[in-house]
Amino acid sequence: MQFVATEKAIGNALASVEMEGFVISAECIDWCKMLLNKEITMAQYIELVKASEGV
């Protein structure tokens, strides 16, 4: 059940972001799943995103 809720939450967020004209990488989606499943912390997620963008 948790998997379905996570997938639905990500799908809804992606649809919203894409309507605004942004593109989310598959890598970032994987990190989001890890964050929602408590496999990484928010701080780790932010560092991964920043590193992927060269920040």
N, C-alpha and C. Protein backbone atom coordinates (compact mmCIF):
# COMPACT_ATOMS: atom_id res chain seq x y z
N MET A 1 0.81 -1.18 0.00
CA MET A 1 0.00 0.00 0.00
C MET A 1 0.86 1.25 0.00
N GLN A 2 1.95 1.25 0.78
CA GLN A 2 2.84 2.41 0.83
C GLN A 2 3.44 2.70 -0.54
N PHE A 3 3.80 1.66 -1.29
CA PHE A 3 4.37 1.84 -2.62
C PHE A 3 3.40 2.58 -3.53
N VAL A 4 2.14 2.20 -3.50
CA VAL A 4 1.12 2.84 -4.34
C VAL A 4 0.97 4.31 -3.95
N ALA A 5 0.94 4.60 -2.67
CA ALA A 5 0.81 5.99 -2.21
C ALA A 5 2.01 6.82 -2.64
N THR A 6 3.20 6.25 -2.54
CA THR A 6 4.41 6.96 -2.95
C THR A 6 4.38 7.23 -4.45
N GLU A 7 4.04 6.23 -5.23
CA GLU A 7 3.99 6.40 -6.68
C GLU A 7 2.94 7.44 -7.08
N LYS A 8 1.80 7.42 -6.40
CA LYS A 8 0.75 8.39 -6.71
C LYS A 8 1.20 9.80 -6.35
N ALA A 9 1.84 9.97 -5.21
CA ALA A 9 2.33 11.28 -4.79
C ALA A 9 3.35 11.81 -5.79
N ILE A 10 4.25 10.97 -6.23
CA ILE A 10 5.26 11.39 -7.20
C ILE A 10 4.61 11.72 -8.53
N GLY A 11 3.68 10.90 -8.96
CA GLY A 11 2.98 11.15 -10.22
C GLY A 11 2.24 12.48 -10.21
N ASN A 12 1.57 12.78 -9.10
CA ASN A 12 0.86 14.05 -8.98
C ASN A 12 1.82 15.24 -9.00
N ALA A 13 2.92 15.11 -8.29
CA ALA A 13 3.91 16.18 -8.25
C ALA A 13 4.54 16.40 -9.63
N LEU A 14 4.85 15.31 -10.32
CA LEU A 14 5.43 15.42 -11.67
C LEU A 14 4.47 16.12 -12.63
N ALA A 15 3.22 15.75 -12.58
CA ALA A 15 2.23 16.36 -13.46
C ALA A 15 2.16 17.87 -13.21
N SER A 16 2.16 18.24 -11.96
CA SER A 16 2.09 19.66 -11.60
C SER A 16 3.31 20.42 -12.09
N VAL A 17 4.49 19.86 -11.85
CA VAL A 17 5.73 20.51 -12.26
C VAL A 17 5.82 20.60 -13.79
N GLU A 18 5.44 19.54 -14.47
CA GLU A 18 5.51 19.53 -15.94
C GLU A 18 4.53 20.52 -16.55
N MET A 19 3.39 20.76 -15.90
CA MET A 19 2.45 21.76 -16.40
C MET A 19 3.05 23.15 -16.35
N GLU A 20 4.01 23.34 -15.45
CA GLU A 20 4.69 24.63 -15.34
C GLU A 20 5.86 24.74 -16.31
N GLY A 21 6.11 23.67 -17.07
CA GLY A 21 7.16 23.70 -18.09
C GLY A 21 8.51 23.16 -17.66
N PHE A 22 8.58 22.57 -16.50
CA PHE A 22 9.84 22.01 -16.03
C PHE A 22 9.93 20.53 -16.36
N VAL A 23 11.17 20.03 -16.45
CA VAL A 23 11.42 18.62 -16.71
C VAL A 23 12.20 18.06 -15.52
N ILE A 24 11.74 16.95 -15.00
CA ILE A 24 12.41 16.29 -13.86
C ILE A 24 13.10 15.04 -14.38
N SER A 25 14.38 14.90 -14.03
CA SER A 25 15.15 13.75 -14.50
C SER A 25 14.73 12.47 -13.79
N ALA A 26 14.98 11.35 -14.44
CA ALA A 26 14.69 10.04 -13.84
C ALA A 26 15.50 9.86 -12.56
N GLU A 27 16.69 10.39 -12.55
CA GLU A 27 17.56 10.32 -11.38
C GLU A 27 16.93 11.05 -10.19
N CYS A 28 16.38 12.22 -10.45
CA CYS A 28 15.74 12.99 -9.39
C CYS A 28 14.49 12.28 -8.88
N ILE A 29 13.75 11.65 -9.78
CA ILE A 29 12.57 10.88 -9.38
C ILE A 29 12.98 9.74 -8.46
N ASP A 30 14.09 9.07 -8.79
CA ASP A 30 14.58 7.99 -7.93
C ASP A 30 14.94 8.53 -6.54
N TRP A 31 15.57 9.70 -6.50
CA TRP A 31 15.93 10.30 -5.21
C TRP A 31 14.67 10.65 -4.42
N CYS A 32 13.65 11.14 -5.11
CA CYS A 32 12.38 11.46 -4.45
C CYS A 32 11.78 10.21 -3.81
N LYS A 33 11.82 9.11 -4.54
CA LYS A 33 11.31 7.85 -4.01
C LYS A 33 12.09 7.45 -2.76
N MET A 34 13.41 7.60 -2.82
CA MET A 34 14.25 7.25 -1.68
C MET A 34 13.91 8.14 -0.48
N LEU A 35 13.68 9.43 -0.74
CA LEU A 35 13.32 10.35 0.34
C LEU A 35 11.98 9.97 0.96
N LEU A 36 10.99 9.73 0.12
CA LEU A 36 9.66 9.37 0.64
C LEU A 36 9.66 8.04 1.37
N ASN A 37 10.57 7.15 1.00
CA ASN A 37 10.68 5.84 1.66
C ASN A 37 11.64 5.89 2.85
N LYS A 38 12.10 7.10 3.18
CA LYS A 38 13.00 7.33 4.32
C LYS A 38 14.31 6.58 4.20
N GLU A 39 14.77 6.42 2.96
CA GLU A 39 16.06 5.79 2.71
C GLU A 39 17.18 6.83 2.74
N ILE A 40 16.83 8.10 2.51
CA ILE A 40 17.76 9.21 2.62
C ILE A 40 17.04 10.35 3.35
N THR A 41 17.83 11.28 3.88
CA THR A 41 17.25 12.43 4.57
C THR A 41 17.01 13.57 3.57
N MET A 42 16.26 14.58 4.00
CA MET A 42 16.04 15.75 3.16
C MET A 42 17.38 16.43 2.85
N ALA A 43 18.27 16.50 3.82
CA ALA A 43 19.58 17.11 3.60
C ALA A 43 20.36 16.35 2.52
N GLN A 44 20.31 15.02 2.57
CA GLN A 44 20.99 14.21 1.56
C GLN A 44 20.36 14.44 0.18
N TYR A 45 19.04 14.50 0.14
CA TYR A 45 18.34 14.74 -1.12
C TYR A 45 18.77 16.08 -1.72
N ILE A 46 18.80 17.11 -0.90
CA ILE A 46 19.19 18.43 -1.38
C ILE A 46 20.62 18.41 -1.91
N GLU A 47 21.51 17.74 -1.21
CA GLU A 47 22.90 17.65 -1.67
C GLU A 47 23.00 16.91 -3.01
N LEU A 48 22.23 15.86 -3.18
CA LEU A 48 22.24 15.11 -4.45
C LEU A 48 21.75 16.00 -5.59
N VAL A 49 20.68 16.74 -5.36
CA VAL A 49 20.13 17.62 -6.40
C VAL A 49 21.12 18.73 -6.72
N LYS A 50 21.67 19.34 -5.72
CA LYS A 50 22.64 20.42 -5.94
C LYS A 50 23.86 19.90 -6.72
N ALA A 51 24.37 18.75 -6.32
CA ALA A 51 25.53 18.18 -7.00
C ALA A 51 25.22 17.86 -8.47
N SER A 52 24.00 17.38 -8.73
CA SER A 52 23.64 17.04 -10.11
C SER A 52 23.55 18.29 -10.99
N GLU A 53 23.30 19.44 -10.36
CA GLU A 53 23.18 20.71 -11.09
C GLU A 53 24.47 21.52 -11.04
N GLY A 54 25.51 20.96 -10.39
CA GLY A 54 26.78 21.65 -10.31
C GLY A 54 26.80 22.83 -9.35
N VAL A 55 25.95 22.75 -8.34
CA VAL A 55 25.88 23.85 -7.36
C VAL A 55 26.69 23.48 -6.14
